[in-house]
Every structure is written in C-alpha cells, then in structure tokens.
C-alpha cells in the first residue's frame, strides 16, 4: 500500500560545486536554501536587498543593478530612510547615506552576476502593492498607510516579457550564468487561501513561460511540498511555512538534481567538521576537549589545503 505520490526529479544538466559562486534572491524560501548551501560549505550570497516576494519587486532590483541605475525612490520615517525597492533591512540615517548604500549594493550585485555560476530566483506571490504615485510595485510597504497603495494581482502576460528581457541582459553580462527558478511553497494565508492559489498558479505559469523562452531551469520545490509531502506534519506550527524536515527533504532533492556525487560527499565532510566545531563538551578545557579541538582544527586545515574555496 502506498501512502504518498512518488515524485522523481531528473538530474539537471546544470551542475555546480563548492568552487562556484551562487546568488539567491526572492522569498524567504530562498533564505532556507541559502542556509543549507552555507551549512554545506558553498559560497552563497542571499537577498542583498532583503526578502522580496513579488516577481516585479525582484525584477526591479536585478534590473537596476544590471543597468547601473542611479535612481533611488526614497521613503522617510522620522530620521530613518528606506528604499521602496528594498526590504526594511536596507536603510540609512540620511537620504545621502541610503542612496549611497543602495548604489553600492547594486554595484556589488552586478559584479556577482558577472562572475556567478548560478542565480536562484524564488517567486513568493503574484499579489503586489502598487505605489499610487510611483506607479510601480514596491518591495516593501515599510508600514506606510495602506491608502498609498493599490493591491493588485499581476497577470502572467504583464510580467513575462520583462523577465525574458532581463534574463537576456544578465546572460549578455555573463554567458556562463545558470538561472534556476522556483516557486515558494509557503502559503500567503493573509491574502486568503483561494487568493493564494490564484497567485501560485500565475507564478507557476510565469516561470514555465520564462523557461520555455530561455535557457533557464525550473526546480519544483512547490510541487515537492504540495503534491509529494502533502501533509501538515511537514509544516511548522503556523501551518504555512515548511517544517525543518520538509526543508531538509527539499534540499536533498535539490542537491541530487544539481550536485555530483563527489560534491555531495564533500558537503558531508564539511558538515562533519562543522558539527564537531559546534559540539559542546561536558568538561571544557579538559585534556579530552583540547584533544578533540586540535583534531578538528587539523581536519579543517587539511580540507582547506585541498579545497581552499570552501566556506568553512
């Protein structure tokens, strides 16, 4: 008797290893995958503009970085200044400070795009908040009065062409760049469950249209959780975000698809070293404790001599 649908994911033609630079941008699910990459010794840069959920918000920060755009739409709250394109973690204590910070992040992100092997983009929702004056979907409302925005459900057709153009711009900067799209399995229950499903359907269709028109790749994290795992025991207490077990399972599928056997073996070695480093002994500074620390330190030195690019 079978209790779940099997979901076999083919190995991707796209492969990356620990020596490759990886960028992740998008919803909080991007952060989950980035954490797994970092835990396994990869060099990953995640959400330099903060967590972004809507395809237009993600496109805006990528496009402004690639095109060297110097315009920054600024919002002031008392003595704190934010950018409408970015999440709340990007701020300045003056307009000049914020403007320079945003420009530096854009410059750094463009440099990363020019050298990275992989860019992983995770869409979270097709529901966006359009600023009534700026006439664009913002990355974050920054707790501003909601009457300044119009909530919209973006259509696939209005997003598709801009994303294909952006993809081609990024590939012209770095022909070796591999772009992997995924749709976050996190439910946006504040929009309502029916509205969330409408949103996810549009995101899935958008991603597949982009993939059909480019060399981009799709990874089915949404389908793994919704169709294969398909049980609330794979969600955290809020019944919205994936549990750690679910994240671990999605990661294992992701790793099997994009990493070689040798890369996975190296990841396991990195994990063993990190676990040993974080181990807390009952008797700090004892002979056994010092001996263990020396052994771990020696293993770390040896692996870094062989693989100096490891994030360990």
Protein backbone atom coordinates (compact mmCIF):
# COMPACT_ATOMS: atom_id res chain seq x y z
CA UNK A 1 0.00 0.00 0.00
CA UNK A 2 1.34 3.42 -0.98
CA UNK A 3 0.71 6.46 1.20
CA UNK A 4 2.19 9.18 -0.99
CA UNK A 5 2.81 10.04 -4.61
CA UNK A 6 6.34 9.45 -5.80
CA UNK A 7 7.89 12.47 -7.45
CA UNK A 8 11.04 11.58 -9.33
CA UNK A 9 13.08 14.62 -10.31
CA UNK A 10 15.53 14.13 -13.14
CA UNK A 11 19.13 15.15 -12.71
CA UNK A 12 19.65 18.61 -14.13
CA UNK A 13 22.15 19.34 -16.88
CA UNK A 14 23.13 22.30 -14.72
CA UNK A 15 25.74 21.30 -12.16
CA UNK A 16 27.59 23.35 -9.57
CA UNK A 17 30.18 22.61 -6.90
CA UNK A 18 31.80 24.29 -3.92
CA UNK A 19 34.12 26.39 -6.06
CA UNK A 20 31.19 28.13 -7.76
CA UNK A 21 29.64 31.43 -6.73
CA UNK A 22 25.89 31.20 -6.08
CA UNK A 23 23.36 34.03 -5.73
CA UNK A 24 19.87 33.57 -4.29
CA UNK A 25 17.16 36.19 -4.43
CA UNK A 26 13.45 36.27 -3.67
CA UNK A 27 11.16 34.98 -0.96
CA UNK A 28 12.09 33.60 2.46
CA UNK A 29 12.36 30.17 0.87
CA UNK A 30 15.49 31.45 -0.88
CA UNK A 31 16.94 32.05 2.57
CA UNK A 32 16.14 28.47 3.60
CA UNK A 33 18.02 27.07 0.60
CA UNK A 34 20.87 29.56 1.14
CA UNK A 35 21.22 28.38 4.74
CA UNK A 36 21.55 24.80 3.53
CA UNK A 37 24.16 25.79 0.95
CA UNK A 38 26.21 27.67 3.54
CA UNK A 39 25.91 24.80 6.02
CA UNK A 40 27.37 22.53 3.35
CA UNK A 41 30.32 24.81 2.63
CA UNK A 42 29.11 26.59 -0.52
CA UNK A 43 29.70 30.27 -1.20
CA UNK A 44 26.22 31.76 -1.35
CA UNK A 45 25.03 35.36 -1.41
CA UNK A 46 21.37 35.75 -0.45
CA UNK A 47 18.93 38.64 -0.80
CA UNK A 48 21.23 41.69 -0.72
CA UNK A 49 18.11 43.90 -0.87
CA UNK A 50 16.29 41.86 1.75
CA UNK A 51 13.48 39.35 1.28
CA UNK A 52 11.34 40.10 -1.77
CA UNK A 53 8.22 38.19 -2.79
CA UNK A 54 6.69 39.64 -5.96
CA UNK A 55 8.26 38.98 -9.40
CA UNK A 56 8.21 42.71 -10.21
CA UNK A 57 9.96 43.59 -6.94
CA UNK A 58 12.66 41.01 -7.66
CA UNK A 59 12.96 42.16 -11.27
CA UNK A 60 13.30 45.80 -10.20
CA UNK A 61 16.38 45.24 -8.02
CA UNK A 62 18.04 42.95 -10.57
CA UNK A 63 17.34 45.31 -13.45
CA UNK A 64 18.51 48.42 -11.59
CA UNK A 65 21.74 46.59 -10.70
CA UNK A 66 22.42 45.28 -14.20
CA UNK A 67 21.67 48.65 -15.84
CA UNK A 68 23.70 50.76 -13.34
CA UNK A 69 20.57 52.74 -12.46
CA UNK A 70 21.36 55.56 -10.04
CA UNK A 71 17.75 56.44 -9.22
CA UNK A 72 16.61 55.55 -5.71
CA UNK A 73 12.99 56.04 -4.65
CA UNK A 74 13.20 57.02 -1.02
CA UNK A 75 10.72 56.90 1.84
CA UNK A 76 11.41 58.73 5.11
CA UNK A 77 10.08 57.72 8.54
CA UNK A 78 11.20 60.21 11.17
CA UNK A 79 15.01 60.06 10.95
CA UNK A 80 15.19 56.70 9.10
CA UNK A 81 15.26 56.46 5.30
CA UNK A 82 14.21 53.39 3.28
CA UNK A 83 14.16 52.47 -0.41
CA UNK A 84 10.83 51.44 -1.92
CA UNK A 85 12.68 48.71 -3.84
CA UNK A 86 14.16 47.08 -0.77
CA UNK A 87 13.13 45.39 2.46
CA UNK A 88 13.42 47.16 5.82
CA UNK A 89 16.96 45.95 6.49
CA UNK A 90 18.26 48.33 3.82
CA UNK A 91 18.14 51.79 5.39
CA UNK A 92 20.12 54.95 6.09
CA UNK A 93 20.06 57.71 8.67
CA UNK A 94 20.06 60.29 5.89
CA UNK A 95 18.92 60.40 2.28
CA UNK A 96 22.53 60.59 1.12
CA UNK A 97 23.56 57.59 3.23
CA UNK A 98 20.69 55.46 1.94
CA UNK A 99 21.27 56.46 -1.68
CA UNK A 100 24.95 55.51 -1.44
CA UNK A 101 24.15 52.24 0.28
CA UNK A 102 21.62 51.20 -2.38
CA UNK A 103 24.05 52.13 -5.16
CA UNK A 104 26.80 50.08 -3.50
CA UNK A 105 24.52 47.05 -3.18
CA UNK A 106 23.55 47.37 -6.84
CA UNK A 107 27.19 47.63 -7.86
CA UNK A 108 28.11 44.58 -5.78
CA UNK A 109 25.18 42.53 -7.10
CA UNK A 110 26.08 43.33 -10.71
CA UNK A 111 29.65 42.23 -10.05
CA UNK A 112 28.33 38.98 -8.56
CA UNK A 113 26.07 38.38 -11.57
CA UNK A 114 29.06 38.86 -13.87
CA UNK A 115 31.04 36.14 -12.07
CA UNK A 116 28.46 33.74 -10.60
CA UNK A 117 27.80 30.23 -11.85
CA UNK A 118 24.23 30.09 -10.55
CA UNK A 119 21.41 32.53 -9.81
CA UNK A 120 18.45 31.02 -7.95
CA UNK A 121 15.25 33.09 -8.08
CA UNK A 122 12.25 32.22 -5.90
CA UNK A 123 8.87 33.85 -6.53
CA UNK A 124 6.60 34.10 -3.49
CA UNK A 125 3.36 35.77 -4.58
CA UNK A 126 1.71 37.43 -7.57
CA UNK A 127 -0.12 39.80 -5.23
CA UNK A 128 1.70 43.12 -5.08
CA UNK A 129 1.30 46.61 -3.67
CA UNK A 130 1.47 49.30 -6.32
CA UNK A 131 2.52 52.71 -5.06
CA UNK A 132 -0.14 55.13 -6.25
CA UNK A 133 2.32 57.92 -7.02
CA UNK A 134 5.31 55.93 -8.25
CA UNK A 135 3.08 53.60 -10.30
CA UNK A 136 5.24 50.58 -9.53
CA UNK A 137 5.05 47.56 -7.23
CA UNK A 138 7.17 48.14 -4.15
CA UNK A 139 9.48 45.67 -2.50
CA UNK A 140 8.15 46.59 0.93
CA UNK A 141 5.42 48.92 2.22
CA UNK A 142 7.59 49.98 5.21
CA UNK A 143 4.49 50.21 7.44
CA UNK A 144 3.18 53.14 5.41
CA UNK A 145 -0.56 53.89 5.30
CA UNK A 146 -2.27 51.42 3.00
CA UNK A 147 -4.19 54.17 1.21
CA UNK A 148 -0.92 54.97 -0.57
CA UNK A 149 -1.06 51.63 -2.37
CA UNK A 150 -3.34 49.60 -4.61
CA UNK A 151 -3.24 45.86 -4.10
CA UNK A 152 -3.04 44.10 -7.47
CA UNK A 153 -2.87 40.52 -8.72
CA UNK A 154 -0.36 40.66 -11.55
CA UNK A 155 -1.05 38.75 -14.76
CA UNK A 156 1.40 36.42 -16.44
CA UNK A 157 1.42 38.43 -19.67
CA UNK A 158 2.44 41.70 -17.99
CA UNK A 159 5.40 40.01 -16.27
CA UNK A 160 6.62 37.57 -18.90
CA UNK A 161 8.27 39.90 -21.43
CA UNK A 162 10.13 41.95 -18.81
CA UNK A 163 11.58 38.80 -17.29
CA UNK A 164 12.71 37.39 -20.63
CA UNK A 165 14.40 40.71 -21.43
CA UNK A 166 16.11 40.77 -18.04
CA UNK A 167 17.26 37.17 -18.48
CA UNK A 168 18.88 38.07 -21.80
CA UNK A 169 20.55 41.13 -20.24
CA UNK A 170 22.07 39.01 -17.46
CA UNK A 171 23.25 36.38 -19.94
CA UNK A 172 24.91 39.08 -22.03
CA UNK A 173 26.85 40.11 -18.91
CA UNK A 174 27.72 36.51 -18.04
CA UNK A 175 27.09 33.86 -20.71
CA UNK A 176 28.06 31.15 -18.18
CA UNK A 177 25.35 32.16 -15.71
CA UNK A 178 22.76 29.45 -14.98
CA UNK A 179 19.40 30.76 -13.78
CA UNK A 180 17.22 28.45 -11.71
CA UNK A 181 13.63 29.47 -10.99
CA UNK A 182 11.47 28.06 -8.23
CA UNK A 183 8.11 28.93 -6.65
CA UNK A 184 7.92 29.16 -2.88
CA UNK A 185 5.66 26.52 -1.26
CA UNK A 186 4.94 28.94 1.60
CA UNK A 187 1.23 29.81 1.68
CA UNK A 188 0.36 33.52 1.90
CA UNK A 189 -2.69 32.94 4.08
CA UNK A 190 -3.21 36.65 4.81
CA UNK A 191 -4.33 37.02 1.20
CA UNK A 192 -6.80 34.15 1.70
CA UNK A 193 -6.42 30.53 0.58
CA UNK A 194 -8.34 30.98 -2.67
CA UNK A 195 -6.37 34.13 -3.45
CA UNK A 196 -3.11 32.34 -2.57
CA UNK A 197 -3.89 29.55 -5.02
CA UNK A 198 -4.68 32.05 -7.78
CA UNK A 199 -1.36 33.70 -7.06
CA UNK A 200 0.68 30.48 -7.06
CA UNK A 201 -0.96 29.36 -10.31
CA UNK A 202 0.18 32.55 -12.01
CA UNK A 203 3.70 32.23 -10.66
CA UNK A 204 4.00 28.65 -11.90
CA UNK A 205 2.75 29.61 -15.35
CA UNK A 206 5.06 32.63 -15.45
CA UNK A 207 8.12 30.55 -14.57
CA UNK A 208 7.35 27.94 -17.22
CA UNK A 209 6.84 30.59 -19.88
CA UNK A 210 10.23 32.10 -19.00
CA UNK A 211 11.85 28.66 -19.08
CA UNK A 212 10.23 27.90 -22.47
CA UNK A 213 11.67 31.10 -23.95
CA UNK A 214 15.14 30.96 -22.39
CA UNK A 215 17.76 28.52 -21.15
CA UNK A 216 16.59 28.93 -17.55
CA UNK A 217 15.81 25.89 -15.39
CA UNK A 218 12.87 25.13 -13.11
CA UNK A 219 13.18 23.33 -9.78
CA UNK A 220 9.82 22.06 -8.41
CA UNK A 221 10.10 22.92 -4.70
CA UNK A 222 6.43 23.92 -4.72
CA UNK A 223 5.30 20.58 -6.14
CA UNK A 224 7.52 18.59 -3.77
CA UNK A 225 5.82 20.07 -0.74
CA UNK A 226 2.27 20.44 -2.05
CA UNK A 227 1.97 17.20 -4.01
CA UNK A 228 4.56 14.75 -2.70
CA UNK A 229 4.78 15.52 1.03
CA UNK A 230 1.19 16.81 1.16
CA UNK A 231 0.67 16.63 4.92
CA UNK A 232 0.51 19.25 7.65
CA UNK A 233 3.14 17.36 9.64
CA UNK A 234 5.58 18.80 7.11
CA UNK A 235 4.65 22.34 8.14
CA UNK A 236 5.63 24.40 11.16
CA UNK A 237 3.11 25.38 13.83
CA UNK A 238 1.77 28.26 11.73
CA UNK A 239 0.67 25.68 9.09
CA UNK A 240 2.17 27.97 6.46
CA UNK A 241 5.95 27.59 6.47
CA UNK A 242 7.67 24.25 5.79
CA UNK A 243 8.99 22.35 8.80
CA UNK A 244 12.69 21.65 9.11
CA UNK A 245 12.06 18.10 7.95
CA UNK A 246 10.39 19.43 4.79
CA UNK A 247 13.22 21.89 4.13
CA UNK A 248 15.75 19.07 4.58
CA UNK A 249 13.83 16.89 2.13
CA UNK A 250 13.54 19.64 -0.49
CA UNK A 251 17.26 20.32 -0.06
CA UNK A 252 18.11 16.64 -0.61
CA UNK A 253 16.12 16.67 -3.85
CA UNK A 254 17.77 19.93 -4.89
CA UNK A 255 21.22 18.52 -4.12
CA UNK A 256 20.52 15.31 -6.06
CA UNK A 257 19.43 17.33 -9.06
CA UNK A 258 22.26 19.86 -9.25
CA UNK A 259 25.27 18.31 -7.47
CA UNK A 260 27.53 15.43 -8.43
CA UNK A 261 28.27 12.51 -6.12
CA UNK A 262 31.71 13.98 -5.38
CA UNK A 263 30.20 17.35 -4.45
CA UNK A 264 27.71 15.71 -2.10
CA UNK A 265 30.50 13.71 -0.43
CA UNK A 266 32.47 16.92 0.16
CA UNK A 267 29.35 18.53 1.65
CA UNK A 268 29.08 15.66 4.12
CA UNK A 269 32.70 16.15 5.17
CA UNK A 270 32.09 19.86 5.70
CA UNK A 271 29.05 19.08 7.85
CA UNK A 272 31.04 16.67 10.00
CA UNK A 273 33.66 19.33 10.68
CA UNK A 274 31.04 21.98 11.47
CA UNK A 275 29.19 19.63 13.81
CA UNK A 276 32.43 18.82 15.62
CA UNK A 277 33.26 22.52 15.94
CA UNK A 278 29.87 23.29 17.46
CA UNK A 279 29.93 20.33 19.83
CA UNK A 280 29.86 21.39 23.47
CA UNK A 281 31.73 19.12 25.83
CA UNK A 282 30.73 18.47 29.40
CA UNK A 283 34.25 19.36 30.54
CA UNK A 284 35.61 22.47 28.75
CA UNK A 285 39.39 22.79 28.69
CA UNK A 286 39.86 19.18 29.76
CA UNK A 287 42.52 17.07 28.02
CA UNK A 288 39.84 15.29 26.02
CA UNK A 289 38.26 18.58 25.00
CA UNK A 290 41.58 20.09 23.91
CA UNK A 291 42.49 16.93 22.02
CA UNK A 292 39.19 16.94 20.16
CA UNK A 293 39.57 20.63 19.22
CA UNK A 294 43.09 20.03 17.93
CA UNK A 295 41.88 17.09 15.85
CA UNK A 296 39.01 19.14 14.34
CA UNK A 297 41.35 22.06 13.66
CA UNK A 298 43.79 19.76 11.88
CA UNK A 299 40.99 18.25 9.74
CA UNK A 300 39.84 21.74 8.83
CA UNK A 301 43.35 22.79 7.81
CA UNK A 302 43.75 19.67 5.69
CA UNK A 303 40.46 20.08 3.85
CA UNK A 304 41.13 23.77 3.21
CA UNK A 305 44.55 22.95 1.76
CA UNK A 306 42.84 20.67 -0.72
CA UNK A 307 39.72 22.84 -1.24
CA UNK A 308 40.70 26.45 -0.40
CA UNK A 309 37.41 27.79 -1.81
CA UNK A 310 35.27 26.12 0.87
CA UNK A 311 33.06 28.33 3.03
CA UNK A 312 34.01 26.67 6.30
